[in-house]
Amino acid sequence: MGDSFTRGIVGEGARFIAVDATAVADQTRQLHDLARDAIQLAAEGVVASVFLAAHIKGEERITLQIQVSKPECAFMCDVDAKGGIRARFTPEIAVLPPMGRIEGMMLVAKSLPGQEPYRGVTEIKAEKLESALGRHLGESAQVDAILRLGAEIDKSGTVLRAGGVLIERLPTPGVREVEAAAEFAVRFDPIRAQPISRILADLQAGAVEGAEVEVLEERELGWRCSCGQERVEAVLASLPAEELEAMIEEDGGAEVVCHFCNIAYQVGADRLGQLIAL
């Protein structure tokens, strides 16, 4: 089974969102030649980005940027409404503090072509990314919820599993809120201590902590970068003519490398001359 985003009902009084982004996380690791701790944070960042994109549609896009001061590193990920993902992490090596507690800022931007992006910022306060994401998501939803986010990596650095689950309690007619909240906690709190691989396996098998799972929506996730020769040339064409002329004189052309997928695009002197003439 490939990477996926799944939404549904679990039990009689809760809904869930599950994310399996293992392949995309491992591709991020390979493309950016990441070391172990960097792999961990990048993989969790990819999963967090998909959670943030859970409700986008059409041409909307979510961009998650994480600027970490301890350790000093940066992550960026784009997710579109069709499940396309691209991510980057710098530098290749980042040593996480004990228990993976990082400090920094998390910037989330929701964009639609032709419109001003909506942006939200959440401080990361010496905590795991799971905790910071939970606070960000919880700012607009006063409900009982359990969020799990994580990645499992083998000794070679390969991402064995990168995923997570968000379970939220639904209002229960005829039941007092205190009682419903207590029942929700008793049933689902055990997953807080379970590995991500087990949680996802239980969901796929159709039951979590004895509660049956009903899938309402499922879509594939995959690496999808928006770079390309045409886009590269469009960017070059927007530069002043003197800059393009300098590229011809000094380098005999131009090379543009995508920051996400590391593909190098070549634009020769003749083509640069055509772009100048446009």
Protein backbone atom coordinates (compact mmCIF):
# COMPACT_ATOMS: atom_id res chain seq x y z
CA MET A 1 0.00 0.00 0.00
CA GLY A 2 1.38 3.43 -0.97
CA ASP A 3 1.23 6.75 0.83
CA SER A 4 -2.29 7.84 1.66
CA PHE A 5 -4.57 10.30 3.42
CA THR A 6 -7.63 8.72 5.05
CA ARG A 7 -10.62 10.28 6.76
CA GLY A 8 -13.46 8.51 8.54
CA ILE A 9 -15.39 7.57 11.66
CA VAL A 10 -14.03 5.44 14.49
CA GLY A 11 -16.50 4.00 16.96
CA GLU A 12 -19.80 5.77 17.56
CA GLY A 13 -18.51 9.11 18.73
CA ALA A 14 -15.23 10.03 17.06
CA ARG A 15 -13.76 10.92 13.68
CA PHE A 16 -10.24 10.40 12.48
CA ILE A 17 -7.67 11.54 9.97
CA ALA A 18 -4.77 9.20 9.22
CA VAL A 19 -1.65 9.99 7.21
CA ASP A 20 0.92 7.58 5.81
CA ALA A 21 3.68 9.55 4.07
CA THR A 22 6.46 6.98 4.30
CA ALA A 23 7.56 7.01 0.66
CA VAL A 24 7.55 10.81 0.36
CA ALA A 25 9.50 11.14 3.61
CA ASP A 26 12.11 8.65 2.41
CA GLN A 27 12.36 10.41 -0.96
CA THR A 28 12.98 13.67 0.90
CA ARG A 29 15.76 11.91 2.79
CA GLN A 30 17.36 10.64 -0.40
CA LEU A 31 17.05 13.85 -2.43
CA HIS A 32 18.64 15.97 0.29
CA ASP A 33 21.13 13.37 1.55
CA LEU A 34 19.97 13.77 5.14
CA ALA A 35 21.60 12.33 8.26
CA ARG A 36 19.61 10.53 10.94
CA ASP A 37 18.23 13.34 13.14
CA ALA A 38 17.53 15.48 10.08
CA ILE A 39 15.63 12.53 8.58
CA GLN A 40 13.48 12.28 11.71
CA LEU A 41 12.49 15.93 11.72
CA ALA A 42 11.99 16.09 7.94
CA ALA A 43 9.78 12.98 7.97
CA GLU A 44 7.65 14.37 10.79
CA GLY A 45 7.45 17.69 8.94
CA VAL A 46 6.07 15.98 5.82
CA VAL A 47 3.36 14.28 7.88
CA ALA A 48 2.50 17.52 9.69
CA SER A 49 2.13 19.28 6.33
CA VAL A 50 -0.43 16.72 5.16
CA PHE A 51 -2.46 17.16 8.34
CA LEU A 52 -2.47 20.92 7.76
CA ALA A 53 -3.71 20.34 4.20
CA ALA A 54 -6.58 18.09 5.31
CA HIS A 55 -9.31 20.55 4.33
CA ILE A 56 -7.95 22.26 1.21
CA LYS A 57 -9.64 21.80 -2.16
CA GLY A 58 -9.41 22.83 -5.80
CA GLU A 59 -6.28 24.85 -6.51
CA GLU A 60 -5.52 25.58 -2.86
CA ARG A 61 -2.10 24.76 -1.50
CA ILE A 62 -0.60 24.55 1.98
CA THR A 63 3.01 25.52 2.65
CA LEU A 64 4.60 24.66 5.97
CA GLN A 65 7.86 26.36 6.94
CA ILE A 66 9.70 25.40 10.12
CA GLN A 67 12.59 27.55 11.30
CA VAL A 68 14.42 25.85 14.15
CA SER A 69 16.92 27.69 16.34
CA LYS A 70 17.90 24.65 18.44
CA PRO A 71 19.25 22.87 16.41
CA GLU A 72 19.68 25.44 13.65
CA CYS A 73 17.89 24.07 10.60
CA ALA A 74 14.96 24.74 8.27
CA PHE A 75 12.19 22.71 6.67
CA MET A 76 9.74 23.58 3.92
CA CYS A 77 6.93 21.52 2.42
CA ASP A 78 4.18 22.20 -0.13
CA VAL A 79 1.01 20.09 -0.33
CA ASP A 80 -1.72 20.50 -2.96
CA ALA A 81 -5.35 19.37 -2.82
CA LYS A 82 -4.64 16.35 -5.03
CA GLY A 83 -2.07 14.91 -2.65
CA GLY A 84 1.04 16.20 -4.37
CA ILE A 85 3.91 16.87 -1.96
CA ARG A 86 7.40 18.32 -2.24
CA ALA A 87 9.76 19.02 0.66
CA ARG A 88 13.26 20.19 1.50
CA PHE A 89 15.38 20.22 4.65
CA THR A 90 18.63 22.08 5.34
CA PRO A 91 21.34 21.43 6.37
CA GLU A 92 21.96 17.72 5.83
CA ILE A 93 23.03 17.23 9.44
CA ALA A 94 21.03 18.44 12.45
CA VAL A 95 21.51 16.99 15.94
CA LEU A 96 18.24 16.97 17.86
CA PRO A 97 18.17 17.82 21.57
CA PRO A 98 17.18 15.11 24.09
CA MET A 99 13.64 13.74 23.51
CA GLY A 100 13.51 15.58 20.18
CA ARG A 101 12.43 18.85 21.79
CA ILE A 102 13.10 21.67 19.35
CA GLU A 103 12.72 25.45 19.53
CA GLY A 104 11.67 27.79 16.75
CA MET A 105 8.68 28.91 14.70
CA MET A 106 6.16 27.16 12.51
CA LEU A 107 4.66 29.22 9.66
CA VAL A 108 1.64 27.87 7.79
CA ALA A 109 0.47 29.55 4.58
CA LYS A 110 -2.72 28.64 2.70
CA SER A 111 -2.65 29.98 -0.84
CA LEU A 112 -4.89 30.10 -3.90
CA PRO A 113 -3.73 31.49 -7.27
CA GLY A 114 -4.58 35.17 -7.58
CA GLN A 115 -5.34 35.64 -3.88
CA GLU A 116 -3.34 36.84 -0.91
CA PRO A 117 -2.16 33.86 1.16
CA TYR A 118 -3.53 33.30 4.65
CA ARG A 119 -0.71 32.87 7.16
CA GLY A 120 -0.58 31.56 10.70
CA VAL A 121 2.42 31.37 13.04
CA THR A 122 2.92 29.05 16.00
CA GLU A 123 5.90 29.14 18.33
CA ILE A 124 7.69 25.85 18.97
CA LYS A 125 8.50 25.97 22.68
CA ALA A 126 11.20 23.37 23.40
CA GLU A 127 8.83 20.58 22.41
CA LYS A 128 8.30 17.88 19.83
CA LEU A 129 6.78 18.85 16.50
CA GLU A 130 3.77 16.71 17.43
CA SER A 131 3.05 18.99 20.38
CA ALA A 132 3.47 22.22 18.38
CA LEU A 133 1.20 20.92 15.61
CA GLY A 134 -1.41 19.91 18.17
CA ARG A 135 -1.47 23.42 19.61
CA HIS A 136 -1.70 24.95 16.13
CA LEU A 137 -4.63 22.73 15.16
CA GLY A 138 -6.32 23.19 18.52
CA GLU A 139 -6.44 26.98 18.35
CA SER A 140 -9.62 26.88 16.25
CA ALA A 141 -11.24 23.71 17.61
CA GLN A 142 -12.29 23.31 21.23
CA VAL A 143 -12.78 19.53 21.14
CA ASP A 144 -11.24 16.52 22.80
CA ALA A 145 -8.58 15.20 20.46
CA ILE A 146 -5.57 12.92 20.35
CA LEU A 147 -2.80 13.61 17.85
CA ARG A 148 0.03 11.19 17.13
CA LEU A 149 2.84 12.05 14.77
CA GLY A 150 6.10 10.26 14.21
CA ALA A 151 8.63 8.42 12.07
CA GLU A 152 10.42 5.11 12.43
CA ILE A 153 13.89 4.90 10.86
CA ASP A 154 16.23 1.93 10.55
CA LYS A 155 19.99 1.89 11.16
CA SER A 156 20.76 2.70 7.51
CA GLY A 157 18.58 5.83 7.64
CA THR A 158 15.72 4.43 5.57
CA VAL A 159 12.30 5.68 6.65
CA LEU A 160 10.35 2.56 7.60
CA ARG A 161 7.20 4.47 8.52
CA ALA A 162 6.24 8.14 8.63
CA GLY A 163 2.69 8.91 9.58
CA GLY A 164 0.19 9.94 12.15
CA VAL A 165 -3.40 9.98 13.27
CA LEU A 166 -5.76 12.61 14.64
CA ILE A 167 -8.81 11.34 16.54
CA GLU A 168 -11.42 13.91 17.57
CA ARG A 169 -14.48 13.38 19.74
CA LEU A 170 -17.81 14.24 18.15
CA PRO A 171 -20.74 15.72 20.12
CA THR A 172 -22.91 12.94 21.59
CA PRO A 173 -26.64 13.80 21.79
CA GLY A 174 -28.17 12.97 25.14
CA VAL A 175 -24.84 12.45 26.88
CA ARG A 176 -23.27 15.00 29.21
CA GLU A 177 -20.02 16.48 27.90
CA VAL A 178 -18.06 15.42 30.99
CA GLU A 179 -19.16 11.81 30.62
CA ALA A 180 -18.53 11.76 26.85
CA ALA A 181 -15.05 13.24 27.31
CA ALA A 182 -14.19 10.69 30.00
CA GLU A 183 -15.35 7.80 27.82
CA PHE A 184 -13.33 9.13 24.88
CA ALA A 185 -10.19 9.36 27.02
CA VAL A 186 -10.57 5.88 28.47
CA ARG A 187 -11.00 4.31 25.05
CA PHE A 188 -8.38 6.14 22.99
CA ASP A 189 -5.68 7.33 25.41
CA PRO A 190 -3.71 4.06 25.00
CA ILE A 191 -2.68 5.07 21.47
CA ARG A 192 -0.57 7.88 22.94
CA ALA A 193 2.02 5.25 23.86
CA GLN A 194 1.82 3.15 20.71
CA PRO A 195 4.24 3.30 17.76
CA ILE A 196 2.97 4.91 14.58
CA SER A 197 3.30 1.66 12.63
CA ARG A 198 0.90 -0.13 14.96
CA ILE A 199 -1.69 2.65 14.89
CA LEU A 200 -1.71 2.72 11.10
CA ALA A 201 -1.86 -1.08 10.94
CA ASP A 202 -4.86 -1.12 13.29
CA LEU A 203 -6.66 1.47 11.17
CA GLN A 204 -6.00 -0.51 8.02
CA ALA A 205 -7.27 -3.67 9.76
CA GLY A 206 -10.52 -1.87 10.57
CA ALA A 207 -10.46 -1.28 14.33
CA VAL A 208 -8.68 0.97 16.84
CA GLU A 209 -8.82 0.06 20.54
CA GLY A 210 -11.86 -2.08 19.83
CA ALA A 211 -13.68 0.70 17.95
CA GLU A 212 -14.65 -0.13 14.37
CA VAL A 213 -13.35 2.10 11.59
CA GLU A 214 -15.52 3.41 8.77
CA VAL A 215 -13.54 5.02 5.94
CA LEU A 216 -15.30 7.98 4.32
CA GLU A 217 -12.50 9.30 2.11
CA GLU A 218 -9.14 8.05 0.96
CA ARG A 219 -6.70 9.60 -1.48
CA GLU A 220 -3.19 8.84 -2.62
CA LEU A 221 -0.20 10.95 -1.66
CA GLY A 222 2.95 11.24 -3.73
CA TRP A 223 5.97 13.36 -4.54
CA ARG A 224 5.05 16.03 -7.07
CA CYS A 225 7.31 18.99 -7.83
CA SER A 226 6.09 21.94 -9.88
CA CYS A 227 9.48 22.65 -11.42
CA GLY A 228 10.15 22.16 -15.13
CA GLN A 229 12.02 23.57 -18.10
CA GLU A 230 9.17 25.87 -19.07
CA ARG A 231 8.86 27.30 -15.57
CA VAL A 232 12.62 27.81 -15.29
CA GLU A 233 12.68 29.71 -18.56
CA ALA A 234 9.72 31.82 -17.45
CA VAL A 235 11.63 32.83 -14.31
CA LEU A 236 14.73 33.68 -16.36
CA ALA A 237 12.64 35.72 -18.80
CA SER A 238 11.49 37.88 -15.89
CA LEU A 239 15.08 38.93 -15.11
CA PRO A 240 16.62 42.15 -16.48
CA ALA A 241 18.23 41.74 -19.89
CA GLU A 242 21.65 42.73 -18.56
CA GLU A 243 21.61 39.79 -16.12
CA LEU A 244 20.84 37.34 -18.91
CA GLU A 245 23.55 38.89 -21.09
CA ALA A 246 26.04 38.44 -18.23
CA MET A 247 25.09 34.74 -18.01
CA ILE A 248 25.84 34.35 -21.72
CA GLU A 249 29.17 36.17 -21.54
CA GLU A 250 30.44 34.64 -18.29
CA ASP A 251 29.00 31.11 -18.34
CA GLY A 252 27.78 30.52 -21.88
CA GLY A 253 24.30 29.79 -20.52
CA ALA A 254 22.49 29.19 -17.25
CA GLU A 255 21.94 26.30 -14.87
CA VAL A 256 19.01 26.39 -12.45
CA VAL A 257 18.71 23.73 -9.74
CA CYS A 258 15.34 23.03 -8.10
CA HIS A 259 15.64 23.42 -4.32
CA PHE A 260 13.12 20.63 -3.76
CA CYS A 261 14.01 17.83 -6.20
CA ASN A 262 17.60 18.87 -7.05
CA ILE A 263 17.05 18.55 -10.80
CA ALA A 264 19.44 20.81 -12.74
CA TYR A 265 17.88 22.60 -15.72
CA GLN A 266 20.17 23.85 -18.50
CA VAL A 267 19.38 26.92 -20.59
CA GLY A 268 21.85 27.50 -23.40
CA ALA A 269 23.19 30.81 -24.73
CA ASP A 270 20.93 30.70 -27.82
CA ARG A 271 17.83 30.22 -25.72
CA LEU A 272 18.88 33.00 -23.34
CA GLY A 273 19.25 35.24 -26.37
CA GLN A 274 15.67 34.40 -27.39
CA LEU A 275 14.44 35.21 -23.87
CA ILE A 276 16.17 38.60 -24.04
CA ALA A 277 14.39 39.33 -27.33
CA LEU A 278 10.94 38.58 -25.95
